[in-house]
Structure formats: structure tokens, C-alpha cells
Amino acid sequence: MPLKVIDGIRNLTFEEDLSAFLQQLGGPTLIRLQGRDSSRRRAFCTLLHGNEPSGARALYAYLRSGETPAVDLDLIIASIPAALAPPAFSQRMLPGQRDLNRCFRPPFDDSQGKLAEAILRFLHDSKPECLIDLHNTSGSGPAFGVAIRCDADHRALTSLWTNDLIVTDLRLGALMEISELDVPTVTIECGGAQDETSLLIAREGMQRYFSSEQVLAAAGHDYGVNRFRNPIRMELKPGRRVHYGDDADPDAALTLPLDAARFNYGSVPAGERLAILGKAGLDALTAKDHLGKERLHDHFAAINGRLSPKHPLKLFMVTTNPIIATTDCLFYFIDCANT
């Protein structure tokens, strides 16, 4: 069984820190807690990526408190081996393995796929009333939710952590895309792993999610959540490389500033210099929408060798991690006129 199951905190020993606690667990783990109302249950998942520890840190603090939740809880801590690989909390996944949050659709024929399948099977069988999947953003930035639906329940769940919700029709094999078939699901990006506020956001939202009698929508309540529809992924084409620094790398397809994560805050005006382009210019990049249509030239221009937006854009998840930038994406963006 790729998912270890622990019933109740009585079967846990709380070590001196999170790393020691995760070493005790040893591998992907499901912790089941009994709440005040055992007729209902909620699910929570974190650490799908080993370099996104805020959710695990917040959960560890909650477990140590010994508090009784409002309803039964199923708590999934997923990529423990990747999180513990030295230096701790630095690797998204172990070398040679697939990104776990791209494995929730067939084939389930490797270790990551088998783990994803086990998580989905458990959620299908246990029938929680809702699921939160808590992440850190790949760069410094504000918190936001992501979902494939935007009804009142999804807005209510998002509002426990943040007032911004991205609604996407893009399908990558992420947990929220498939679990949604069984249970209302929201992914929460609580900010960068190094941001001081991320742990606070994770803990406060988690406390509300675990302790509130009702977390799904109440009739007639608006929740004040801002909705952003179908952001587009900016990606490097295969075989291209990104560089971070003040000076351009002549062998890189793109050179982003060291503080590129600042673009995650607010909007980026037309003509703003985002990066220095390499010799291939815009041809090294691709930005396809959820329908697979190339949209790069609709939104970006090469101006004096610089990458600039043609009109105001809102950027999400701008990363300064070259591995993530190369294997996943550079950032997401949406036209401010559509917000």
C-alpha cells in the first residue's frame, strides 16, 4: 500500500521538529482524526511537492496542539521522501520521479502514479464533504486559490485563506482536476516557501477549515472572492534554458531578474521590461491557452531585445527556481482587461 494510514494522534510521537516528525512517518501518510461531529468528514492534503513545506508545518503545529476538529479529518502528507532529501524541503520531487501533482490521471504505472491512484481511491471511498490541497507558490507572492469550478462552495472554501480564486479549464493531471469528480476541491497557494506570511496564512486558514462547523456555502452569502479565469502558462520550449541575473547570459533563452518574483504583486503595465531575450527571441517561448492555441504574440512583444507585455497583465507564480522554470513553467498570466 503506497499510503500509510494512522488512526488518531494517540499513535503519533511528536518529535522536536517537523523533519524529525516526517522521518518518523517514513513515507506518504494518511492521518485520520475524529471530530466532534463524526457524521461528516473533510479532507486536507499537503506536501504534494517536497519543497513546499508551509502546509506541513502548519499541520504539524495543529496536531501537536491536540485540538479536536469540528468534524472528522483525513489528512494526507504526500511527498515525504522528497521533502527529507537533503537539504530538507529543497526538492520538488526525487530525481528521476515525476511531479506528483501531474500524476492524478492514467497511467498509474510508476511509484508516483500508484501513490496518486491510492489518494484518489481513498477520497472516492471516504466521501469527504470537501478537500483542500495546500501548496506554496514557486516564487514569492500573495496567496490565492485555484479550482476548476467557481460555484458558491468553491468560493466559500477559498475565502478561508484568501480572496483571490483562479478558475482554470487547463488540465495537467493535478489532484484538484480529478478529485473534483467526487468532492468540491480547492488548491490553496499560500505564498512562497520563504515568505514570512505564508506559514501564518497556512495556519490561520487551516484553523478555520478544521474548527468551523460549516465551511461550504451558506445561502445568500457572497464571500467577496475575486475570480480570474483561465490564466495562460508562459513556458520555455524544450531544450531551452533560463538564467537569473542582472546581466544577460548569451547561451540562455531568457534572462530574468533575480527579484523576478516582484512581478507577482499587482499588475505589470504595457511595455514593462520582464526579461532579456536570448538569440532566438520570442521563438524560444510558448504561451498556449487551455484550448491549445498559441497566444504568445497576442500578449507579448520583443522590444529592443526585451520581453514586454503588449497590454497590462496580472502575473501569477513567477518563479526564480530554474528547475521549475524549465520543467514546469516560467509563470502564469492573465489580461487585466479580463479580470
Protein backbone atom coordinates (compact mmCIF):
# COMPACT_ATOMS: atom_id res chain seq x y z
CA MET A 1 0.00 0.00 0.00
CA PRO A 2 1.69 3.30 -1.10
CA LEU A 3 -0.22 5.30 1.54
CA LYS A 4 0.39 4.57 5.22
CA VAL A 5 -2.71 5.04 7.41
CA ILE A 6 -2.58 6.25 11.03
CA ASP A 7 -5.78 6.44 13.08
CA GLY A 8 -5.68 9.23 15.66
CA ILE A 9 -2.86 11.22 17.22
CA ARG A 10 -2.50 8.66 20.01
CA ASN A 11 -0.46 6.64 17.54
CA LEU A 12 1.92 9.54 16.84
CA THR A 13 5.04 10.66 18.65
CA PHE A 14 5.71 14.37 18.29
CA GLU A 15 9.39 14.90 17.65
CA GLU A 16 11.30 18.11 18.22
CA ASP A 17 10.72 19.49 14.72
CA LEU A 18 8.88 18.79 11.50
CA SER A 19 11.77 16.98 9.81
CA ALA A 20 12.05 14.51 12.69
CA PHE A 21 8.29 14.01 12.63
CA LEU A 22 8.33 13.27 8.90
CA GLN A 23 11.21 10.83 9.40
CA GLN A 24 9.02 9.01 11.93
CA LEU A 25 6.23 8.76 9.35
CA GLY A 26 8.74 7.46 6.82
CA GLY A 27 6.64 7.83 3.65
CA PRO A 28 3.35 9.11 2.26
CA THR A 29 0.89 9.09 5.16
CA LEU A 30 -2.81 9.49 5.84
CA ILE A 31 -3.68 10.61 9.38
CA ARG A 32 -7.34 10.21 10.40
CA LEU A 33 -8.70 12.35 13.25
CA GLN A 34 -12.05 12.06 14.98
CA GLY A 35 -14.04 15.29 15.27
CA ARG A 36 -16.89 16.50 17.41
CA ASP A 37 -19.28 15.50 14.62
CA SER A 38 -18.36 12.10 13.19
CA SER A 39 -21.25 12.09 10.74
CA ARG A 40 -19.19 14.28 8.39
CA ARG A 41 -15.58 14.42 7.30
CA ARG A 42 -13.25 16.80 5.48
CA ALA A 43 -10.05 16.06 3.63
CA PHE A 44 -6.79 18.00 3.58
CA CYS A 45 -3.69 17.31 1.52
CA THR A 46 -0.28 18.94 1.68
CA LEU A 47 3.35 18.40 0.66
CA LEU A 48 2.49 17.08 -2.79
CA HIS A 49 5.73 18.89 -3.61
CA GLY A 50 8.66 18.34 -1.28
CA ASN A 51 9.86 21.94 -1.48
CA GLU A 52 6.55 23.44 -0.30
CA PRO A 53 6.60 22.98 3.49
CA SER A 54 4.22 25.64 4.87
CA GLY A 55 1.21 23.32 4.86
CA ALA A 56 3.12 20.54 6.62
CA ARG A 57 4.49 22.97 9.20
CA ALA A 58 1.04 24.34 9.92
CA LEU A 59 -0.42 20.84 10.15
CA TYR A 60 2.35 19.68 12.49
CA ALA A 61 1.58 22.59 14.83
CA TYR A 62 -2.13 21.73 14.72
CA LEU A 63 -1.53 18.07 15.51
CA ARG A 64 0.73 18.98 18.43
CA SER A 65 -1.99 21.21 19.87
CA GLY A 66 -4.24 18.18 20.43
CA GLU A 67 -7.30 20.18 19.42
CA THR A 68 -10.44 18.32 18.46
CA PRO A 69 -11.70 19.36 15.00
CA ALA A 70 -15.31 20.17 14.20
CA VAL A 71 -15.75 17.06 12.00
CA ASP A 72 -13.64 14.00 11.22
CA LEU A 73 -10.48 14.83 9.26
CA ASP A 74 -8.47 12.88 6.70
CA LEU A 75 -5.00 14.45 6.49
CA ILE A 76 -2.70 13.44 3.63
CA ILE A 77 1.02 14.23 3.79
CA ALA A 78 2.32 13.11 0.43
CA SER A 79 5.91 13.65 -0.76
CA ILE A 80 7.74 12.94 2.49
CA PRO A 81 10.82 11.28 0.90
CA ALA A 82 11.31 14.28 -1.42
CA ALA A 83 10.86 16.70 1.50
CA LEU A 84 13.50 14.89 3.57
CA ALA A 85 16.09 14.62 0.78
CA PRO A 86 18.99 16.86 1.82
CA PRO A 87 18.89 19.74 2.12
CA ALA A 88 15.41 19.33 3.57
CA PHE A 89 12.48 20.92 1.72
CA SER A 90 14.56 21.78 -1.35
CA GLN A 91 13.36 19.21 -3.89
CA ARG A 92 10.00 19.29 -5.64
CA MET A 93 10.29 15.54 -6.30
CA LEU A 94 13.09 12.99 -6.10
CA PRO A 95 15.47 12.77 -9.09
CA GLY A 96 14.06 10.56 -11.82
CA GLN A 97 10.50 10.75 -10.50
CA ARG A 98 7.51 12.53 -12.00
CA ASP A 99 5.91 15.59 -10.45
CA LEU A 100 3.27 14.01 -8.18
CA ASN A 101 0.77 16.78 -8.94
CA ARG A 102 0.86 15.78 -12.60
CA CYS A 103 0.14 12.09 -11.88
CA PHE A 104 -3.57 12.09 -10.99
CA ARG A 105 -4.62 10.74 -14.36
CA PRO A 106 -3.61 7.42 -16.00
CA PRO A 107 -1.27 5.76 -16.49
CA PHE A 108 -0.65 4.91 -12.82
CA ASP A 109 2.26 2.62 -13.65
CA ASP A 110 5.15 4.10 -11.62
CA SER A 111 5.58 4.85 -7.92
CA GLN A 112 4.20 8.37 -8.21
CA GLY A 113 1.25 7.17 -10.26
CA LYS A 114 0.46 4.42 -7.76
CA LEU A 115 0.51 6.95 -4.91
CA ALA A 116 -1.77 9.32 -6.85
CA GLU A 117 -4.15 6.46 -7.60
CA ALA A 118 -4.22 5.45 -3.92
CA ILE A 119 -5.08 9.02 -2.87
CA LEU A 120 -7.88 9.22 -5.42
CA ARG A 121 -9.26 5.82 -4.43
CA PHE A 122 -9.28 6.81 -0.76
CA LEU A 123 -11.10 10.08 -1.47
CA HIS A 124 -13.65 8.26 -3.61
CA ASP A 125 -14.33 5.68 -0.90
CA SER A 126 -14.31 8.00 2.14
CA LYS A 127 -16.59 10.65 0.58
CA PRO A 128 -15.47 13.80 2.44
CA GLU A 129 -17.62 16.90 2.11
CA CYS A 130 -14.70 18.92 0.70
CA LEU A 131 -10.94 18.80 0.03
CA ILE A 132 -8.23 21.44 0.38
CA ASP A 133 -4.83 20.86 -1.25
CA LEU A 134 -2.34 23.32 0.28
CA HIS A 135 0.79 24.44 -1.57
CA ASN A 136 3.45 27.12 -1.59
CA THR A 137 3.86 29.19 -4.73
CA SER A 138 7.03 28.57 -6.74
CA GLY A 139 8.19 32.11 -6.03
CA SER A 140 7.43 34.84 -3.53
CA GLY A 141 3.88 36.10 -3.91
CA PRO A 142 0.45 36.62 -2.41
CA ALA A 143 -1.91 33.76 -1.57
CA PHE A 144 -4.63 32.63 -3.98
CA GLY A 145 -6.89 29.66 -4.65
CA VAL A 146 -7.17 27.55 -7.79
CA ALA A 147 -10.18 25.46 -8.81
CA ILE A 148 -11.87 24.11 -11.91
CA ARG A 149 -15.28 25.30 -10.72
CA CYS A 150 -16.43 28.63 -9.35
CA ASP A 151 -19.69 27.93 -7.56
CA ALA A 152 -20.54 29.18 -4.08
CA ASP A 153 -18.93 26.19 -2.31
CA HIS A 154 -15.58 26.77 -4.02
CA ARG A 155 -15.70 30.49 -3.24
CA ALA A 156 -16.55 29.72 0.38
CA LEU A 157 -13.60 27.33 0.73
CA THR A 158 -11.22 29.80 -0.93
CA SER A 159 -12.31 32.58 1.42
CA LEU A 160 -10.94 30.68 4.41
CA TRP A 161 -7.45 31.53 3.14
CA THR A 162 -7.65 34.30 0.52
CA ASN A 163 -9.98 36.49 -1.54
CA ASP A 164 -8.49 35.58 -4.94
CA LEU A 165 -9.55 32.50 -6.92
CA ILE A 166 -8.15 31.35 -10.26
CA VAL A 167 -10.63 29.24 -12.23
CA THR A 168 -8.98 27.13 -14.91
CA ASP A 169 -10.05 24.82 -17.72
CA LEU A 170 -6.45 23.68 -18.24
CA ARG A 171 -5.87 20.01 -17.40
CA LEU A 172 -2.40 18.92 -16.29
CA GLY A 173 -3.14 15.84 -14.16
CA ALA A 174 -3.33 17.78 -10.88
CA LEU A 175 -5.16 16.43 -7.83
CA MET A 176 -7.92 19.08 -7.92
CA GLU A 177 -8.85 18.20 -11.51
CA ILE A 178 -9.69 14.57 -10.72
CA SER A 179 -10.79 14.73 -7.08
CA GLU A 180 -13.42 17.26 -8.16
CA LEU A 181 -15.36 14.34 -9.65
CA ASP A 182 -16.03 13.16 -6.07
CA VAL A 183 -15.64 16.19 -3.81
CA PRO A 184 -15.53 20.02 -4.04
CA THR A 185 -11.80 20.76 -4.22
CA VAL A 186 -9.74 23.94 -3.97
CA THR A 187 -5.97 24.21 -4.25
CA ILE A 188 -4.62 26.93 -1.96
CA GLU A 189 -1.31 28.58 -2.84
CA CYS A 190 -0.41 30.25 0.45
CA GLY A 191 2.63 32.22 -0.81
CA GLY A 192 6.31 31.46 -1.27
CA ALA A 193 8.06 28.91 0.93
CA GLN A 194 10.40 31.64 2.18
CA ASP A 195 7.74 34.31 2.69
CA GLU A 196 7.22 35.15 6.36
CA THR A 197 3.46 35.44 5.88
CA SER A 198 2.99 32.04 4.20
CA LEU A 199 3.06 29.99 7.40
CA LEU A 200 0.69 32.45 9.09
CA ILE A 201 -1.75 32.24 6.17
CA ALA A 202 -1.50 28.44 6.16
CA ARG A 203 -2.11 28.17 9.91
CA GLU A 204 -4.99 30.65 10.11
CA GLY A 205 -6.80 29.18 7.11
CA MET A 206 -6.26 25.66 8.38
CA GLN A 207 -7.63 26.60 11.79
CA ARG A 208 -10.79 27.95 10.19
CA TYR A 209 -11.12 24.88 7.94
CA PHE A 210 -10.65 22.41 10.79
CA SER A 211 -12.61 24.15 13.54
CA SER A 212 -15.61 25.72 11.75
CA GLU A 213 -18.93 23.89 11.90
CA GLN A 214 -19.67 24.96 8.31
CA VAL A 215 -17.11 25.67 5.57
CA LEU A 216 -19.27 25.13 2.49
CA ALA A 217 -21.50 27.92 1.21
CA ALA A 218 -24.21 29.44 3.36
CA ALA A 219 -27.32 30.51 1.48
CA GLY A 220 -27.22 34.12 0.32
CA HIS A 221 -23.58 34.76 1.32
CA ASP A 222 -21.32 36.34 -1.33
CA TYR A 223 -17.83 35.74 0.23
CA GLY A 224 -16.23 38.63 -1.72
CA VAL A 225 -13.86 36.42 -3.71
CA ASN A 226 -12.20 37.90 -6.81
CA ARG A 227 -12.30 35.49 -9.76
CA PHE A 228 -9.68 35.19 -12.50
CA ARG A 229 -10.50 32.92 -15.43
CA ASN A 230 -8.06 30.74 -17.39
CA PRO A 231 -4.58 32.20 -16.87
CA ILE A 232 -2.09 31.16 -19.56
CA ARG A 233 1.20 29.38 -18.86
CA MET A 234 4.39 31.00 -20.17
CA GLU A 235 6.84 28.20 -20.91
CA LEU A 236 10.27 27.66 -22.39
CA LYS A 237 10.32 25.48 -25.47
CA PRO A 238 12.07 22.11 -24.98
CA GLY A 239 15.84 22.29 -24.75
CA ARG A 240 15.88 25.97 -23.79
CA ARG A 241 17.45 27.36 -20.63
CA VAL A 242 16.62 30.25 -18.31
CA HIS A 243 19.10 32.43 -16.43
CA TYR A 244 18.57 34.73 -13.47
CA GLY A 245 20.72 37.81 -13.01
CA ASP A 246 21.29 41.46 -13.85
CA ASP A 247 23.31 40.65 -16.96
CA ALA A 248 22.17 38.52 -19.86
CA ASP A 249 23.58 35.04 -20.35
CA PRO A 250 24.30 34.72 -24.09
CA ASP A 251 23.54 30.99 -24.00
CA ALA A 252 20.19 31.34 -22.22
CA ALA A 253 16.85 31.68 -23.97
CA LEU A 254 15.74 34.16 -21.34
CA THR A 255 17.35 36.13 -18.53
CA LEU A 256 15.02 37.12 -15.69
CA PRO A 257 16.00 39.48 -12.87
CA LEU A 258 16.94 37.95 -9.54
CA ASP A 259 13.93 39.62 -7.98
CA ALA A 260 11.52 38.49 -10.70
CA ALA A 261 9.04 37.39 -8.02
CA ARG A 262 8.15 41.05 -7.56
CA PHE A 263 6.03 40.72 -10.71
CA ASN A 264 3.63 38.55 -8.68
CA TYR A 265 2.38 41.64 -6.86
CA GLY A 266 -0.09 43.95 -8.55
CA SER A 267 -0.21 44.23 -12.35
CA VAL A 268 2.51 44.70 -14.95
CA PRO A 269 1.96 47.65 -17.31
CA ALA A 270 2.35 47.55 -21.07
CA GLY A 271 5.98 47.96 -22.12
CA GLU A 272 7.42 46.86 -18.76
CA ARG A 273 10.72 45.01 -19.11
CA LEU A 274 10.17 41.49 -17.79
CA ALA A 275 13.29 39.78 -19.09
CA ILE A 276 16.15 39.91 -21.56
CA LEU A 277 15.57 37.68 -24.56
CA GLY A 278 18.23 35.37 -25.95
CA LYS A 279 19.30 34.98 -29.58
CA ALA A 280 16.10 33.17 -30.55
CA GLY A 281 13.94 35.97 -29.20
CA LEU A 282 10.28 35.10 -28.73
CA ASP A 283 10.78 31.88 -30.70
CA ALA A 284 12.21 30.27 -27.53
CA LEU A 285 8.91 30.76 -25.70
CA THR A 286 5.39 29.39 -25.88
CA ALA A 287 2.17 30.53 -24.19
CA LYS A 288 -0.74 28.28 -25.13
CA ASP A 289 -4.17 28.76 -23.66
CA HIS A 290 -6.38 26.00 -22.23
CA LEU A 291 -7.59 25.16 -25.73
CA GLY A 292 -4.04 24.68 -27.01
CA LYS A 293 -3.99 27.89 -29.05
CA GLU A 294 -0.70 29.81 -29.12
CA ARG A 295 -1.26 33.23 -27.54
CA LEU A 296 2.31 34.47 -27.06
CA HIS A 297 2.21 37.18 -29.74
CA ASP A 298 -1.23 38.35 -28.58
CA HIS A 299 0.18 39.38 -25.24
CA PHE A 300 3.95 39.90 -25.55
CA ALA A 301 6.41 41.74 -27.77
CA ALA A 302 10.18 41.81 -28.21
CA ILE A 303 11.23 45.44 -27.66
CA ASN A 304 14.97 46.15 -28.03
CA GLY A 305 15.74 42.56 -27.06
CA ARG A 306 13.48 42.68 -24.03
CA LEU A 307 10.33 40.69 -23.25
CA SER A 308 7.48 43.12 -22.58
CA PRO A 309 3.69 42.82 -22.31
CA LYS A 310 1.63 44.50 -25.03
CA HIS A 311 -1.05 45.48 -22.51
CA PRO A 312 -1.41 45.34 -18.71
CA LEU A 313 -1.14 41.80 -17.35
CA LYS A 314 -1.52 40.15 -13.98
CA LEU A 315 1.18 37.55 -13.36
CA PHE A 316 0.99 34.58 -11.00
CA MET A 317 3.62 32.16 -9.74
CA VAL A 318 6.64 33.85 -11.31
CA THR A 319 9.43 31.54 -10.20
CA THR A 320 13.10 32.17 -9.54
CA ASN A 321 13.83 28.44 -9.42
CA PRO A 322 15.48 27.47 -12.74
CA ILE A 323 14.46 23.81 -12.39
CA ILE A 324 10.78 24.69 -12.01
CA ALA A 325 11.06 27.30 -14.78
CA THR A 326 12.50 24.69 -17.15
CA THR A 327 10.44 21.61 -16.25
CA ASP A 328 7.11 23.30 -15.46
CA CYS A 329 6.58 26.94 -16.43
CA LEU A 330 8.05 30.42 -16.01
CA PHE A 331 4.79 31.98 -14.82
CA TYR A 332 1.04 32.26 -15.43
CA PHE A 333 -0.59 35.44 -16.72
CA ILE A 334 -4.00 36.90 -17.42
CA ASP A 335 -5.09 40.01 -19.31
CA CYS A 336 -6.05 42.68 -16.77
CA ALA A 337 -8.94 43.67 -19.04
CA ASN A 338 -10.49 40.26 -18.31
CA THR A 339 -10.25 40.42 -14.50
